[in-house]
Amino acid sequence: MAWFVKIEKGIVSKDDFDPYVEDHIAYVKQLIIDGHEAKTGYWAELGGGMMIFKANSRDEAELIVRNDPLVKNNCVEYELHQWQIVVEYVSS
């Protein structure tokens, strides 16, 4: 599986955004259960964040992103990139 990164920017008010946060968290937890090794968070400056996850293909990654409640409910704009890891820690 390849790594993908969804970089997002909020496009609605906090009042419109917040009702979908719990659904987003539940969605990411299900991605983890399904083996996508997902991680999500927001920028300390607020206004956006990112999610990294593994997928078998670009098409699968697009489907994962389109099904994110924050995307489905038009709370964020996003960019999706495949992440090519150059160096990583591997325990011995």
N, C-alpha and C. Protein backbone atom coordinates (compact mmCIF):
# COMPACT_ATOMS: atom_id res chain seq x y z
N MET A 1 0.85 -1.20 0.00
CA MET A 1 0.00 0.00 0.00
C MET A 1 0.88 1.24 0.00
N ALA A 2 0.41 2.27 -0.66
CA ALA A 2 1.13 3.54 -0.72
C ALA A 2 0.54 4.52 0.29
N TRP A 3 1.38 5.47 0.72
CA TRP A 3 0.92 6.53 1.62
C TRP A 3 0.32 7.67 0.81
N PHE A 4 -0.75 8.26 1.33
CA PHE A 4 -1.37 9.43 0.74
C PHE A 4 -1.57 10.48 1.83
N VAL A 5 -1.60 11.75 1.41
CA VAL A 5 -1.80 12.86 2.33
C VAL A 5 -2.92 13.74 1.78
N LYS A 6 -3.92 13.97 2.63
CA LYS A 6 -4.98 14.93 2.31
C LYS A 6 -4.69 16.18 3.13
N ILE A 7 -4.38 17.27 2.46
CA ILE A 7 -4.16 18.55 3.12
C ILE A 7 -5.44 19.36 2.91
N GLU A 8 -6.00 19.84 4.02
CA GLU A 8 -7.31 20.48 3.91
C GLU A 8 -7.32 21.87 4.52
N LYS A 9 -8.26 22.67 4.01
CA LYS A 9 -8.49 24.02 4.52
C LYS A 9 -9.98 24.16 4.79
N GLY A 10 -10.33 24.60 6.00
CA GLY A 10 -11.73 24.82 6.34
C GLY A 10 -12.32 25.94 5.51
N ILE A 11 -13.56 25.74 5.05
CA ILE A 11 -14.21 26.76 4.21
C ILE A 11 -15.57 27.18 4.78
N VAL A 12 -15.87 26.72 6.00
CA VAL A 12 -17.12 27.11 6.65
C VAL A 12 -16.78 27.62 8.06
N SER A 13 -17.77 28.22 8.69
CA SER A 13 -17.56 28.71 10.05
C SER A 13 -17.37 27.55 11.01
N LYS A 14 -16.80 27.83 12.17
CA LYS A 14 -16.62 26.82 13.20
C LYS A 14 -17.95 26.20 13.61
N ASP A 15 -18.99 27.02 13.67
CA ASP A 15 -20.32 26.51 14.03
C ASP A 15 -20.84 25.51 13.01
N ASP A 16 -20.52 25.72 11.73
CA ASP A 16 -20.94 24.79 10.68
C ASP A 16 -20.02 23.57 10.61
N PHE A 17 -18.77 23.74 11.00
CA PHE A 17 -17.75 22.69 10.92
C PHE A 17 -17.89 21.67 12.05
N ASP A 18 -18.03 22.18 13.27
CA ASP A 18 -17.97 21.34 14.47
C ASP A 18 -18.95 20.17 14.51
N PRO A 19 -20.16 20.29 13.98
CA PRO A 19 -21.07 19.15 14.04
C PRO A 19 -20.57 17.89 13.32
N TYR A 20 -19.60 18.03 12.43
CA TYR A 20 -19.10 16.89 11.65
C TYR A 20 -17.79 16.32 12.18
N VAL A 21 -17.24 16.92 13.22
CA VAL A 21 -15.95 16.46 13.75
C VAL A 21 -16.04 15.05 14.32
N GLU A 22 -17.04 14.76 15.10
CA GLU A 22 -17.17 13.42 15.68
C GLU A 22 -17.32 12.36 14.59
N ASP A 23 -18.09 12.66 13.54
CA ASP A 23 -18.24 11.72 12.42
C ASP A 23 -16.90 11.51 11.71
N HIS A 24 -16.13 12.59 11.57
CA HIS A 24 -14.81 12.50 10.95
C HIS A 24 -13.91 11.60 11.79
N ILE A 25 -13.91 11.79 13.10
CA ILE A 25 -13.08 10.97 13.99
C ILE A 25 -13.49 9.50 13.90
N ALA A 26 -14.78 9.24 13.90
CA ALA A 26 -15.26 7.85 13.78
C ALA A 26 -14.84 7.25 12.44
N TYR A 27 -14.89 8.06 11.39
CA TYR A 27 -14.49 7.60 10.06
C TYR A 27 -13.01 7.22 10.05
N VAL A 28 -12.18 8.06 10.62
CA VAL A 28 -10.74 7.77 10.65
C VAL A 28 -10.45 6.54 11.50
N LYS A 29 -11.15 6.38 12.61
CA LYS A 29 -10.98 5.17 13.43
C LYS A 29 -11.33 3.92 12.63
N GLN A 30 -12.38 4.01 11.79
CA GLN A 30 -12.74 2.86 10.96
C GLN A 30 -11.67 2.60 9.90
N LEU A 31 -11.09 3.66 9.36
CA LEU A 31 -9.98 3.48 8.41
C LEU A 31 -8.83 2.73 9.08
N ILE A 32 -8.54 3.05 10.33
CA ILE A 32 -7.47 2.37 11.07
C ILE A 32 -7.83 0.89 11.22
N ILE A 33 -9.05 0.60 11.63
CA ILE A 33 -9.49 -0.80 11.77
C ILE A 33 -9.37 -1.54 10.44
N ASP A 34 -9.66 -0.84 9.34
CA ASP A 34 -9.62 -1.46 8.01
C ASP A 34 -8.20 -1.59 7.44
N GLY A 35 -7.18 -1.17 8.22
CA GLY A 35 -5.80 -1.37 7.81
C GLY A 35 -5.15 -0.23 7.05
N HIS A 36 -5.76 0.94 7.04
CA HIS A 36 -5.21 2.08 6.29
C HIS A 36 -4.20 2.91 7.07
N GLU A 37 -3.96 2.55 8.34
CA GLU A 37 -2.97 3.24 9.19
C GLU A 37 -3.16 4.76 9.20
N ALA A 38 -4.40 5.21 9.23
CA ALA A 38 -4.73 6.63 9.12
C ALA A 38 -4.36 7.40 10.39
N LYS A 39 -4.01 8.66 10.17
CA LYS A 39 -3.75 9.62 11.24
C LYS A 39 -4.33 10.95 10.77
N THR A 40 -4.93 11.70 11.69
CA THR A 40 -5.52 12.98 11.30
C THR A 40 -5.27 14.01 12.39
N GLY A 41 -5.26 15.27 12.01
CA GLY A 41 -5.07 16.34 12.97
C GLY A 41 -5.24 17.69 12.29
N TYR A 42 -5.15 18.73 13.11
CA TYR A 42 -5.33 20.08 12.58
C TYR A 42 -4.11 20.93 12.90
N TRP A 43 -3.96 22.01 12.14
CA TRP A 43 -2.84 22.92 12.34
C TRP A 43 -3.06 23.68 13.66
N ALA A 44 -1.99 23.93 14.37
CA ALA A 44 -2.08 24.69 15.62
C ALA A 44 -2.67 26.08 15.38
N GLU A 45 -2.46 26.62 14.20
CA GLU A 45 -3.00 27.95 13.87
C GLU A 45 -4.47 27.90 13.53
N LEU A 46 -5.07 26.71 13.49
CA LEU A 46 -6.46 26.46 13.11
C LEU A 46 -6.69 26.79 11.63
N GLY A 47 -7.85 26.46 11.15
CA GLY A 47 -8.20 26.75 9.76
C GLY A 47 -7.90 25.64 8.79
N GLY A 48 -7.31 24.54 9.24
CA GLY A 48 -7.01 23.45 8.33
C GLY A 48 -6.31 22.32 9.04
N GLY A 49 -5.94 21.31 8.28
CA GLY A 49 -5.26 20.16 8.86
C GLY A 49 -4.89 19.17 7.79
N MET A 50 -4.63 17.94 8.22
CA MET A 50 -4.29 16.91 7.25
C MET A 50 -4.63 15.54 7.78
N MET A 51 -4.71 14.62 6.85
CA MET A 51 -4.89 13.22 7.19
C MET A 51 -3.90 12.45 6.32
N ILE A 52 -3.14 11.54 6.95
CA ILE A 52 -2.29 10.64 6.18
C ILE A 52 -2.85 9.24 6.33
N PHE A 53 -2.74 8.47 5.27
CA PHE A 53 -3.30 7.13 5.28
C PHE A 53 -2.70 6.32 4.13
N LYS A 54 -2.85 5.02 4.21
CA LYS A 54 -2.40 4.13 3.15
C LYS A 54 -3.60 3.68 2.33
N ALA A 55 -3.34 3.51 1.03
CA ALA A 55 -4.36 2.99 0.11
C ALA A 55 -3.67 2.17 -0.97
N ASN A 56 -4.43 1.30 -1.61
CA ASN A 56 -3.87 0.44 -2.65
C ASN A 56 -3.65 1.15 -3.97
N SER A 57 -4.33 2.28 -4.17
CA SER A 57 -4.23 3.00 -5.44
C SER A 57 -4.70 4.44 -5.25
N ARG A 58 -4.42 5.26 -6.24
CA ARG A 58 -4.91 6.65 -6.24
C ARG A 58 -6.44 6.67 -6.23
N ASP A 59 -7.04 5.76 -6.99
CA ASP A 59 -8.50 5.70 -7.03
C ASP A 59 -9.09 5.38 -5.65
N GLU A 60 -8.47 4.42 -4.95
CA GLU A 60 -8.95 4.09 -3.61
C GLU A 60 -8.75 5.27 -2.67
N ALA A 61 -7.62 5.97 -2.79
CA ALA A 61 -7.36 7.15 -1.95
C ALA A 61 -8.40 8.23 -2.20
N GLU A 62 -8.76 8.46 -3.45
CA GLU A 62 -9.79 9.44 -3.79
C GLU A 62 -11.13 9.06 -3.16
N LEU A 63 -11.46 7.79 -3.22
CA LEU A 63 -12.71 7.32 -2.63
C LEU A 63 -12.72 7.52 -1.12
N ILE A 64 -11.60 7.21 -0.48
CA ILE A 64 -11.47 7.41 0.97
C ILE A 64 -11.69 8.88 1.32
N VAL A 65 -11.08 9.77 0.57
CA VAL A 65 -11.21 11.20 0.85
C VAL A 65 -12.64 11.68 0.59
N ARG A 66 -13.22 11.26 -0.52
CA ARG A 66 -14.59 11.70 -0.85
C ARG A 66 -15.61 11.24 0.19
N ASN A 67 -15.31 10.13 0.89
CA ASN A 67 -16.23 9.62 1.91
C ASN A 67 -16.00 10.21 3.30
N ASP A 68 -14.98 11.02 3.46
CA ASP A 68 -14.73 11.69 4.74
C ASP A 68 -15.89 12.65 5.01
N PRO A 69 -16.51 12.57 6.19
CA PRO A 69 -17.64 13.47 6.49
C PRO A 69 -17.32 14.95 6.32
N LEU A 70 -16.09 15.37 6.56
CA LEU A 70 -15.75 16.78 6.38
C LEU A 70 -15.80 17.17 4.90
N VAL A 71 -15.46 16.24 4.03
CA VAL A 71 -15.53 16.49 2.58
C VAL A 71 -16.97 16.37 2.10
N LYS A 72 -17.64 15.30 2.51
CA LYS A 72 -19.02 15.06 2.07
C LYS A 72 -19.96 16.20 2.45
N ASN A 73 -19.67 16.86 3.55
CA ASN A 73 -20.52 17.96 4.02
C ASN A 73 -19.98 19.33 3.67
N ASN A 74 -19.04 19.36 2.71
CA ASN A 74 -18.52 20.62 2.16
C ASN A 74 -17.95 21.55 3.22
N CYS A 75 -17.25 20.97 4.20
CA CYS A 75 -16.62 21.77 5.25
C CYS A 75 -15.19 22.17 4.90
N VAL A 76 -14.56 21.44 3.96
CA VAL A 76 -13.16 21.68 3.64
C VAL A 76 -12.92 21.62 2.13
N GLU A 77 -11.89 22.35 1.71
CA GLU A 77 -11.27 22.14 0.40
C GLU A 77 -10.06 21.29 0.67
N TYR A 78 -9.62 20.50 -0.29
CA TYR A 78 -8.47 19.65 -0.02
C TYR A 78 -7.60 19.43 -1.26
N GLU A 79 -6.38 19.06 -0.98
CA GLU A 79 -5.45 18.55 -1.99
C GLU A 79 -5.10 17.13 -1.57
N LEU A 80 -4.98 16.24 -2.52
CA LEU A 80 -4.58 14.87 -2.23
C LEU A 80 -3.27 14.60 -2.95
N HIS A 81 -2.29 14.08 -2.20
CA HIS A 81 -0.98 13.77 -2.75
C HIS A 81 -0.56 12.37 -2.35
N GLN A 82 0.09 11.66 -3.27
CA GLN A 82 0.75 10.41 -2.87
C GLN A 82 2.10 10.82 -2.28
N TRP A 83 2.42 10.26 -1.13
CA TRP A 83 3.63 10.62 -0.40
C TRP A 83 4.68 9.54 -0.62
N GLN A 84 5.79 9.92 -1.22
CA GLN A 84 6.91 9.03 -1.45
C GLN A 84 7.90 9.19 -0.29
N ILE A 85 7.95 8.22 0.60
CA ILE A 85 8.84 8.30 1.76
C ILE A 85 10.26 8.01 1.32
N VAL A 86 11.18 8.88 1.74
CA VAL A 86 12.58 8.72 1.38
C VAL A 86 13.36 8.07 2.53
N VAL A 87 13.07 8.50 3.76
CA VAL A 87 13.76 7.95 4.94
C VAL A 87 12.70 7.70 6.01
N GLU A 88 12.81 6.58 6.68
CA GLU A 88 11.93 6.31 7.82
C GLU A 88 12.66 5.42 8.81
N TYR A 89 12.23 5.50 10.04
CA TYR A 89 12.81 4.70 11.10
C TYR A 89 12.25 3.28 11.02
N VAL A 90 13.14 2.32 11.06
CA VAL A 90 12.73 0.91 11.10
C VAL A 90 13.43 0.30 12.31
N SER A 91 12.65 -0.21 13.25
CA SER A 91 13.25 -0.79 14.44
C SER A 91 13.95 -2.09 14.09
N SER A 92 15.02 -2.39 14.83
CA SER A 92 15.78 -3.60 14.51
C SER A 92 15.35 -4.77 15.35
